[in-house]
C-alpha atoms as a PDB file:
ATOM      1  CA  MET A   1      77.240 -47.772  20.803  1.00  0.00           C
ATOM      2  CA  LEU A   2      75.830 -44.953  23.084  1.00  0.00           C
ATOM      3  CA  LYS A   3      72.846 -45.794  24.860  1.00  0.00           C
ATOM      4  CA  ILE A   4      70.289 -42.715  24.849  1.00  0.00           C
ATOM      5  CA  ALA A   5      67.007 -42.765  26.844  1.00  0.00           C
ATOM      6  CA  ILE A   6      64.226 -41.398  25.216  1.00  0.00           C
ATOM      7  CA  PRO A   7      61.247 -40.955  28.114  1.00  0.00           C
ATOM      8  CA  VAL A   8      58.108 -42.298  25.185  1.00  0.00           C
ATOM      9  CA  PHE A   9      55.619 -45.075  25.759  1.00  0.00           C
ATOM     10  CA  PRO A  10      56.641 -48.471  24.078  1.00  0.00           C
ATOM     11  CA  GLY A  11      53.183 -47.754  21.344  1.00  0.00           C
ATOM     12  CA  ASP A  12      54.798 -44.413  20.740  1.00  0.00           C
ATOM     13  CA  HIS A  13      55.870 -43.526  17.896  1.00  0.00           C
ATOM     14  CA  TYR A  14      58.682 -41.123  17.242  1.00  0.00           C
ATOM     15  CA  PRO A  15      60.593 -41.828  14.533  1.00  0.00           C
ATOM     16  CA  ASN A  16      62.774 -38.720  13.553  1.00  0.00           C
ATOM     17  CA  TYR A  17      64.864 -39.374  16.898  1.00  0.00           C
ATOM     18  CA  PHE A  18      65.766 -42.688  16.333  1.00  0.00           C
ATOM     19  CA  ALA A  19      66.838 -42.383  13.010  1.00  0.00           C
ATOM     20  CA  ALA A  20      69.139 -39.479  13.853  1.00  0.00           C
ATOM     21  CA  LEU A  21      70.627 -40.976  16.564  1.00  0.00           C
ATOM     22  CA  ASP A  22      70.982 -44.359  14.728  1.00  0.00           C
ATOM     23  CA  ALA A  23      72.741 -42.149  11.701  1.00  0.00           C
ATOM     24  CA  LEU A  24      75.033 -40.716  14.301  1.00  0.00           C
ATOM     25  CA  GLY A  25      75.771 -44.576  15.740  1.00  0.00           C
ATOM     26  CA  ALA A  26      73.890 -44.042  18.860  1.00  0.00           C
ATOM     27  CA  GLN A  27      70.901 -46.247  20.010  1.00  0.00           C
ATOM     28  CA  GLY A  28      67.846 -44.509  21.063  1.00  0.00           C
ATOM     29  CA  CYS A  29      66.109 -46.713  23.528  1.00  0.00           C
ATOM     30  CA  LYS A  30      62.688 -46.331  25.148  1.00  0.00           C
ATOM     31  CA  ILE A  31      62.221 -46.529  28.719  1.00  0.00           C
ATOM     32  CA  ALA A  32      59.694 -46.254  31.849  1.00  0.00           C
ATOM     33  CA  ALA A  33      59.731 -43.773  34.788  1.00  0.00           C
ATOM     34  CA  ASP A  34      61.831 -46.007  37.046  1.00  0.00           C
ATOM     35  CA  THR A  35      64.299 -46.920  34.812  1.00  0.00           C
ATOM     36  CA  PRO A  36      68.214 -45.931  36.293  1.00  0.00           C
ATOM     37  CA  ALA A  37      70.225 -43.459  34.755  1.00  0.00           C
ATOM     38  CA  ASP A  38      73.223 -45.950  35.010  1.00  0.00           C
ATOM     39  CA  GLU A  39      71.998 -47.756  32.620  1.00  0.00           C
ATOM     40  CA  TYR A  40      72.091 -45.058  29.513  1.00  0.00           C
ATOM     41  CA  ALA A  41      74.957 -42.651  28.663  1.00  0.00           C
ATOM     42  CA  GLY A  42      72.155 -39.496  28.511  1.00  0.00           C
ATOM     43  CA  LEU A  43      68.674 -38.650  28.424  1.00  0.00           C
ATOM     44  CA  LEU A  44      66.860 -36.759  25.455  1.00  0.00           C
ATOM     45  CA  LEU A  45      63.517 -35.278  25.860  1.00  0.00           C
ATOM     46  CA  PRO A  46      61.347 -34.725  22.767  1.00  0.00           C
ATOM     47  CA  GLY A  47      59.179 -32.602  21.322  1.00  0.00           C
ATOM     48  CA  GLY A  48      55.469 -33.642  21.927  1.00  0.00           C
ATOM     49  CA  GLY A  49      52.188 -31.831  23.687  1.00  0.00           C
ATOM     50  CA  ASP A  50      52.148 -29.511  26.158  1.00  0.00           C
ATOM     51  CA  VAL A  51      53.373 -29.638  29.483  1.00  0.00           C
ATOM     52  CA  ASP A  52      50.367 -29.447  32.193  1.00  0.00           C
ATOM     53  CA  PRO A  53      50.167 -26.018  33.512  1.00  0.00           C
ATOM     54  CA  ALA A  54      49.425 -26.914  36.852  1.00  0.00           C
ATOM     55  CA  ARG A  55      52.777 -28.287  37.270  1.00  0.00           C
ATOM     56  CA  TYR A  56      54.098 -24.436  37.129  1.00  0.00           C
ATOM     57  CA  GLY A  57      51.594 -23.643  39.403  1.00  0.00           C
ATOM     58  CA  GLN A  58      48.972 -22.069  36.612  1.00  0.00           C
ATOM     59  CA  GLU A  59      45.471 -22.676  35.197  1.00  0.00           C
ATOM     60  CA  ASN A  60      44.874 -23.727  31.977  1.00  0.00           C
ATOM     61  CA  ARG A  61      45.175 -20.657  29.470  1.00  0.00           C
ATOM     62  CA  GLY A  62      45.716 -21.950  25.951  1.00  0.00           C
ATOM     63  CA  SER A  63      47.682 -25.494  26.368  1.00  0.00           C
ATOM     64  CA  GLY A  64      46.434 -28.256  25.037  1.00  0.00           C
ATOM     65  CA  GLY A  65      47.303 -32.155  24.425  1.00  0.00           C
ATOM     66  CA  ILE A  66      47.939 -32.485  27.722  1.00  0.00           C
ATOM     67  CA  ASP A  67      48.650 -35.836  28.716  1.00  0.00           C
ATOM     68  CA  PRO A  68      49.817 -36.517  32.744  1.00  0.00           C
ATOM     69  CA  ASP A  69      51.133 -39.868  32.497  1.00  0.00           C
ATOM     70  CA  LEU A  70      53.293 -38.749  29.793  1.00  0.00           C
ATOM     71  CA  ASP A  71      54.009 -35.905  32.077  1.00  0.00           C
ATOM     72  CA  ALA A  72      54.900 -37.932  35.031  1.00  0.00           C
ATOM     73  CA  LEU A  73      56.846 -40.437  32.912  1.00  0.00           C
ATOM     74  CA  GLN A  74      59.269 -37.562  31.754  1.00  0.00           C
ATOM     75  CA  PHE A  75      59.895 -35.380  34.702  1.00  0.00           C
ATOM     76  CA  ALA A  76      60.386 -38.808  36.533  1.00  0.00           C
ATOM     77  CA  ALA A  77      63.081 -39.368  33.850  1.00  0.00           C
ATOM     78  CA  CYS A  78      64.567 -36.243  34.444  1.00  0.00           C
ATOM     79  CA  ASP A  79      64.933 -36.180  37.811  1.00  0.00           C
ATOM     80  CA  HIS A  80      66.945 -39.586  37.665  1.00  0.00           C
ATOM     81  CA  PHE A  81      68.987 -38.348  35.295  1.00  0.00           C
ATOM     82  CA  VAL A  82      69.482 -34.836  37.031  1.00  0.00           C
ATOM     83  CA  ARG A  83      70.240 -36.299  40.296  1.00  0.00           C
ATOM     84  CA  ALA A  84      72.977 -38.855  38.176  1.00  0.00           C
ATOM     85  CA  LYS A  85      74.629 -35.527  36.806  1.00  0.00           C
ATOM     86  CA  LYS A  86      74.397 -37.552  32.864  1.00  0.00           C
ATOM     87  CA  PRO A  87      73.776 -35.346  30.094  1.00  0.00           C
ATOM     88  CA  VAL A  88      70.237 -34.228  29.161  1.00  0.00           C
ATOM     89  CA  LEU A  89      68.854 -32.383  25.824  1.00  0.00           C
ATOM     90  CA  GLY A  90      65.402 -31.076  25.626  1.00  0.00           C
ATOM     91  CA  ILE A  91      64.044 -30.337  22.196  1.00  0.00           C
ATOM     92  CA  CYS A  92      61.001 -28.422  21.902  1.00  0.00           C
ATOM     93  CA  ARG A  93      58.201 -29.537  24.424  1.00  0.00           C
ATOM     94  CA  GLY A  94      61.446 -31.316  26.210  1.00  0.00           C
ATOM     95  CA  HIS A  95      62.876 -27.451  26.801  1.00  0.00           C
ATOM     96  CA  GLN A  96      59.818 -26.409  28.004  1.00  0.00           C
ATOM     97  CA  LEU A  97      59.633 -29.622  30.453  1.00  0.00           C
ATOM     98  CA  VAL A  98      63.317 -29.010  31.298  1.00  0.00           C
ATOM     99  CA  ASN A  99      62.176 -25.072  31.986  1.00  0.00           C
ATOM    100  CA  VAL A 100      59.487 -25.815  34.543  1.00  0.00           C
ATOM    101  CA  TYR A 101      61.404 -28.879  36.137  1.00  0.00           C
ATOM    102  CA  PHE A 102      63.658 -26.472  37.568  1.00  0.00           C
ATOM    103  CA  GLY A 103      61.216 -24.310  38.807  1.00  0.00           C
ATOM    104  CA  GLY A 104      60.360 -22.316  35.465  1.00  0.00           C
ATOM    105  CA  THR A 105      56.944 -21.345  34.060  1.00  0.00           C
ATOM    106  CA  LEU A 106      56.051 -21.115  30.629  1.00  0.00           C
ATOM    107  CA  ILE A 107      54.196 -18.547  28.097  1.00  0.00           C
ATOM    108  CA  GLN A 108      51.043 -20.989  27.514  1.00  0.00           C
ATOM    109  CA  ASP A 109      50.204 -19.542  24.219  1.00  0.00           C
ATOM    110  CA  LEU A 110      52.347 -16.812  22.070  1.00  0.00           C
ATOM    111  CA  PRO A 111      50.940 -13.563  20.514  1.00  0.00           C
ATOM    112  CA  SER A 112      49.869 -13.961  16.972  1.00  0.00           C
ATOM    113  CA  GLY A 113      52.012 -11.912  14.722  1.00  0.00           C
ATOM    114  CA  GLY A 114      55.371 -13.235  15.270  1.00  0.00           C
ATOM    115  CA  VAL A 115      57.562 -15.517  13.654  1.00  0.00           C
ATOM    116  CA  HIS A 116      56.299 -18.390  15.718  1.00  0.00           C
ATOM    117  CA  ASP A 117      52.377 -18.182  14.200  1.00  0.00           C
ATOM    118  CA  TRP A 118      52.266 -22.153  13.606  1.00  0.00           C
ATOM    119  CA  ASP A 119      49.284 -24.136  12.742  1.00  0.00           C
ATOM    120  CA  PRO A 120      48.646 -27.516  14.348  1.00  0.00           C
ATOM    121  CA  GLY A 121      47.513 -29.014  10.813  1.00  0.00           C
ATOM    122  CA  GLU A 122      49.942 -27.617   8.633  1.00  0.00           C
ATOM    123  CA  SER A 123      52.552 -30.329   7.712  1.00  0.00           C
ATOM    124  CA  ALA A 124      55.613 -27.883   7.209  1.00  0.00           C
ATOM    125  CA  ASP A 125      57.451 -26.514   9.825  1.00  0.00           C
ATOM    126  CA  LYS A 126      58.058 -22.205  10.172  1.00  0.00           C
ATOM    127  CA  VAL A 127      62.006 -21.333   9.349  1.00  0.00           C
ATOM    128  CA  HIS A 128      63.187 -18.340  11.420  1.00  0.00           C
ATOM    129  CA  VAL A 129      66.384 -16.955  12.848  1.00  0.00           C
ATOM    130  CA  SER A 130      68.009 -16.664  15.742  1.00  0.00           C
ATOM    131  CA  THR A 131      70.731 -14.846  17.954  1.00  0.00           C
ATOM    132  CA  ALA A 132      73.356 -16.943  20.071  1.00  0.00           C
ATOM    133  CA  LEU A 133      74.515 -14.896  23.087  1.00  0.00           C
ATOM    134  CA  PRO A 134      78.501 -14.564  22.057  1.00  0.00           C
ATOM    135  CA  GLY A 135      80.782 -17.169  23.754  1.00  0.00           C
ATOM    136  CA  THR A 136      78.079 -20.055  24.354  1.00  0.00           C
ATOM    137  CA  TRP A 137      77.748 -23.192  23.614  1.00  0.00           C
ATOM    138  CA  ILE A 138      75.333 -23.156  20.707  1.00  0.00           C
ATOM    139  CA  ALA A 139      76.900 -20.266  19.383  1.00  0.00           C
ATOM    140  CA  ALA A 140      80.603 -22.508  18.967  1.00  0.00           C
ATOM    141  CA  LEU A 141      77.950 -24.657  17.160  1.00  0.00           C
ATOM    142  CA  TYR A 142      76.087 -22.542  14.395  1.00  0.00           C
ATOM    143  CA  GLY A 143      77.236 -18.975  15.042  1.00  0.00           C
ATOM    144  CA  GLU A 144      75.795 -15.819  15.998  1.00  0.00           C
ATOM    145  CA  ARG A 145      72.920 -15.906  13.684  1.00  0.00           C
ATOM    146  CA  TYR A 146      71.448 -18.828  12.143  1.00  0.00           C
ATOM    147  CA  PRO A 147      67.905 -20.328  11.014  1.00  0.00           C
ATOM    148  CA  THR A 148      66.167 -23.397  12.595  1.00  0.00           C
ATOM    149  CA  ASN A 149      62.279 -24.697  12.239  1.00  0.00           C
ATOM    150  CA  SER A 150      59.941 -23.652  14.034  1.00  0.00           C
ATOM    151  CA  ALA A 151      56.934 -25.916  15.760  1.00  0.00           C
ATOM    152  CA  HIS A 152      55.443 -24.331  18.835  1.00  0.00           C
ATOM    153  CA  HIS A 153      52.865 -22.145  20.279  1.00  0.00           C
ATOM    154  CA  GLN A 154      54.202 -22.337  23.556  1.00  0.00           C
ATOM    155  CA  ALA A 155      57.751 -20.889  25.134  1.00  0.00           C
ATOM    156  CA  VAL A 156      59.709 -20.518  28.261  1.00  0.00           C
ATOM    157  CA  ASP A 157      58.700 -17.295  30.129  1.00  0.00           C
ATOM    158  CA  ARG A 158      60.525 -17.269  33.346  1.00  0.00           C
ATOM    159  CA  PRO A 159      64.141 -19.207  33.768  1.00  0.00           C
ATOM    160  CA  GLY A 160      63.995 -21.969  36.350  1.00  0.00           C
ATOM    161  CA  ARG A 161      66.464 -22.025  38.745  1.00  0.00           C
ATOM    162  CA  GLY A 162      70.157 -22.340  37.769  1.00  0.00           C
ATOM    163  CA  LEU A 163      68.651 -22.196  33.724  1.00  0.00           C
ATOM    164  CA  VAL A 164      71.131 -19.357  31.773  1.00  0.00           C
ATOM    165  CA  ILE A 165      69.459 -18.124  28.193  1.00  0.00           C
ATOM    166  CA  ASP A 166      71.960 -18.546  25.113  1.00  0.00           C
ATOM    167  CA  SER A 167      69.920 -17.624  22.472  1.00  0.00           C
ATOM    168  CA  TYR A 168      66.343 -15.442  21.248  1.00  0.00           C
ATOM    169  CA  SER A 169      64.091 -15.589  18.072  1.00  0.00           C
ATOM    170  CA  GLU A 170      63.805 -12.525  16.069  1.00  0.00           C
ATOM    171  CA  ASP A 171      60.542 -11.871  18.654  1.00  0.00           C
ATOM    172  CA  GLY A 172      62.298 -12.573  22.196  1.00  0.00           C
ATOM    173  CA  VAL A 173      61.731 -16.218  22.287  1.00  0.00           C
ATOM    174  CA  VAL A 174      63.884 -18.315  23.982  1.00  0.00           C
ATOM    175  CA  GLU A 175      65.710 -20.393  21.595  1.00  0.00           C
ATOM    176  CA  ALA A 176      68.608 -21.941  23.731  1.00  0.00           C
ATOM    177  CA  MET A 177      69.451 -22.657  27.590  1.00  0.00           C
ATOM    178  CA  HIS A 178      72.207 -24.411  29.594  1.00  0.00           C
ATOM    179  CA  HIS A 179      72.231 -25.067  33.495  1.00  0.00           C
ATOM    180  CA  GLU A 180      75.007 -23.313  35.072  1.00  0.00           C
ATOM    181  CA  SER A 181      76.362 -26.213  36.763  1.00  0.00           C
ATOM    182  CA  LEU A 182      74.789 -29.766  35.168  1.00  0.00           C
ATOM    183  CA  PRO A 183      74.919 -30.851  31.663  1.00  0.00           C
ATOM    184  CA  VAL A 184      71.630 -29.988  30.844  1.00  0.00           C
ATOM    185  CA  TYR A 185      70.730 -28.146  27.731  1.00  0.00           C
ATOM    186  CA  ALA A 186      67.688 -27.566  26.077  1.00  0.00           C
ATOM    187  CA  VAL A 187      66.083 -26.267  22.572  1.00  0.00           C
ATOM    188  CA  GLN A 188      63.280 -24.731  21.494  1.00  0.00           C
ATOM    189  CA  PHE A 189      63.639 -25.995  17.152  1.00  0.00           C
ATOM    190  CA  HIS A 190      63.701 -29.473  16.052  1.00  0.00           C
ATOM    191  CA  PRO A 191      67.579 -30.506  15.356  1.00  0.00           C
ATOM    192  CA  GLU A 192      65.788 -34.334  14.291  1.00  0.00           C
ATOM    193  CA  ARG A 193      63.627 -32.431  11.415  1.00  0.00           C
ATOM    194  CA  MET A 194      67.100 -30.710   9.772  1.00  0.00           C
ATOM    195  CA  CYS A 195      69.390 -33.954   8.883  1.00  0.00           C
ATOM    196  CA  PHE A 196      69.656 -36.701   6.870  1.00  0.00           C
ATOM    197  CA  ALA A 197      66.641 -37.765   5.332  1.00  0.00           C
ATOM    198  CA  HIS A 198      65.230 -34.499   6.531  1.00  0.00           C
ATOM    199  CA  ARG A 199      68.443 -32.051   5.822  1.00  0.00           C
ATOM    200  CA  ARG A 200      66.903 -29.143   4.208  1.00  0.00           C
ATOM    201  CA  GLY A 201      68.664 -26.116   2.564  1.00  0.00           C
ATOM    202  CA  ASP A 202      67.096 -23.144   4.705  1.00  0.00           C
ATOM    203  CA  THR A 203      68.020 -23.887   8.180  1.00  0.00           C
ATOM    204  CA  VAL A 204      71.803 -25.344   9.845  1.00  0.00           C
ATOM    205  CA  ASP A 205      72.250 -28.769   9.893  1.00  0.00           C
ATOM    206  CA  GLY A 206      70.489 -30.366  13.423  1.00  0.00           C
ATOM    207  CA  SER A 207      73.270 -32.900  13.302  1.00  0.00           C
ATOM    208  CA  VAL A 208      75.874 -30.716  14.106  1.00  0.00           C
ATOM    209  CA  LEU A 209      74.390 -30.020  17.731  1.00  0.00           C
ATOM    210  CA  LEU A 210      72.880 -33.609  18.086  1.00  0.00           C
ATOM    211  CA  ARG A 211      76.535 -35.268  17.581  1.00  0.00           C
ATOM    212  CA  TRP A 212      77.907 -32.755  20.038  1.00  0.00           C
ATOM    213  CA  PHE A 213      75.296 -33.802  22.704  1.00  0.00           C
ATOM    214  CA  LEU A 214      76.569 -37.165  22.377  1.00  0.00           C
ATOM    215  CA  SER A 215      80.168 -36.147  22.638  1.00  0.00           C
ATOM    216  CA  LEU A 216      78.720 -35.159  26.041  1.00  0.00           C
ATOM    217  CA  CYS A 217      77.068 -38.695  26.316  1.00  0.00           C
ATOM    218  CA  GLY A 218      80.502 -40.361  25.263  1.00  0.00           C
END
């Protein structure tokens, strides 16, 4: 069974990620900052609160839910797996963290009126259509136009070193990207909330992406 590292604290609850991996025959494992990458097949960076804007050289202009300890844990894990050239998948916050790790910046608070308007007090994800660039990995999985969920108020601004943008939403938000020479991939949406017990009829099947990622790890 593939063991996939998920850098979160022991008492934290991320049930959808672990359930999706289990349904695909893999094991999600919570790891510490000093966990060696060679013990795991890949790294999954999950969703969550905002990355501290100090990490990309900005003052706080709308970021919330900042957890310096979680930032430290996840940036350390990302560094270990990138250096080991192990597959990495960033999801939502993880997508943004990957960008910051490679020296990119974030839009701290998306303007209102776009398809990503989101109230953290709401229980339902937004749904919108994204466009994948022809020939990209995300287009191979879902086609050039595909509907996904959305639950965020930040987004990739300047891409980090070596990162290639693969997909945009209708209002210009970066929805998917990859590294030009490393097995690092990231999506702004939540595939773990679009599959198995959470499968929905108004989006693509998130298990397709997660299964593809596991194939890279195998």
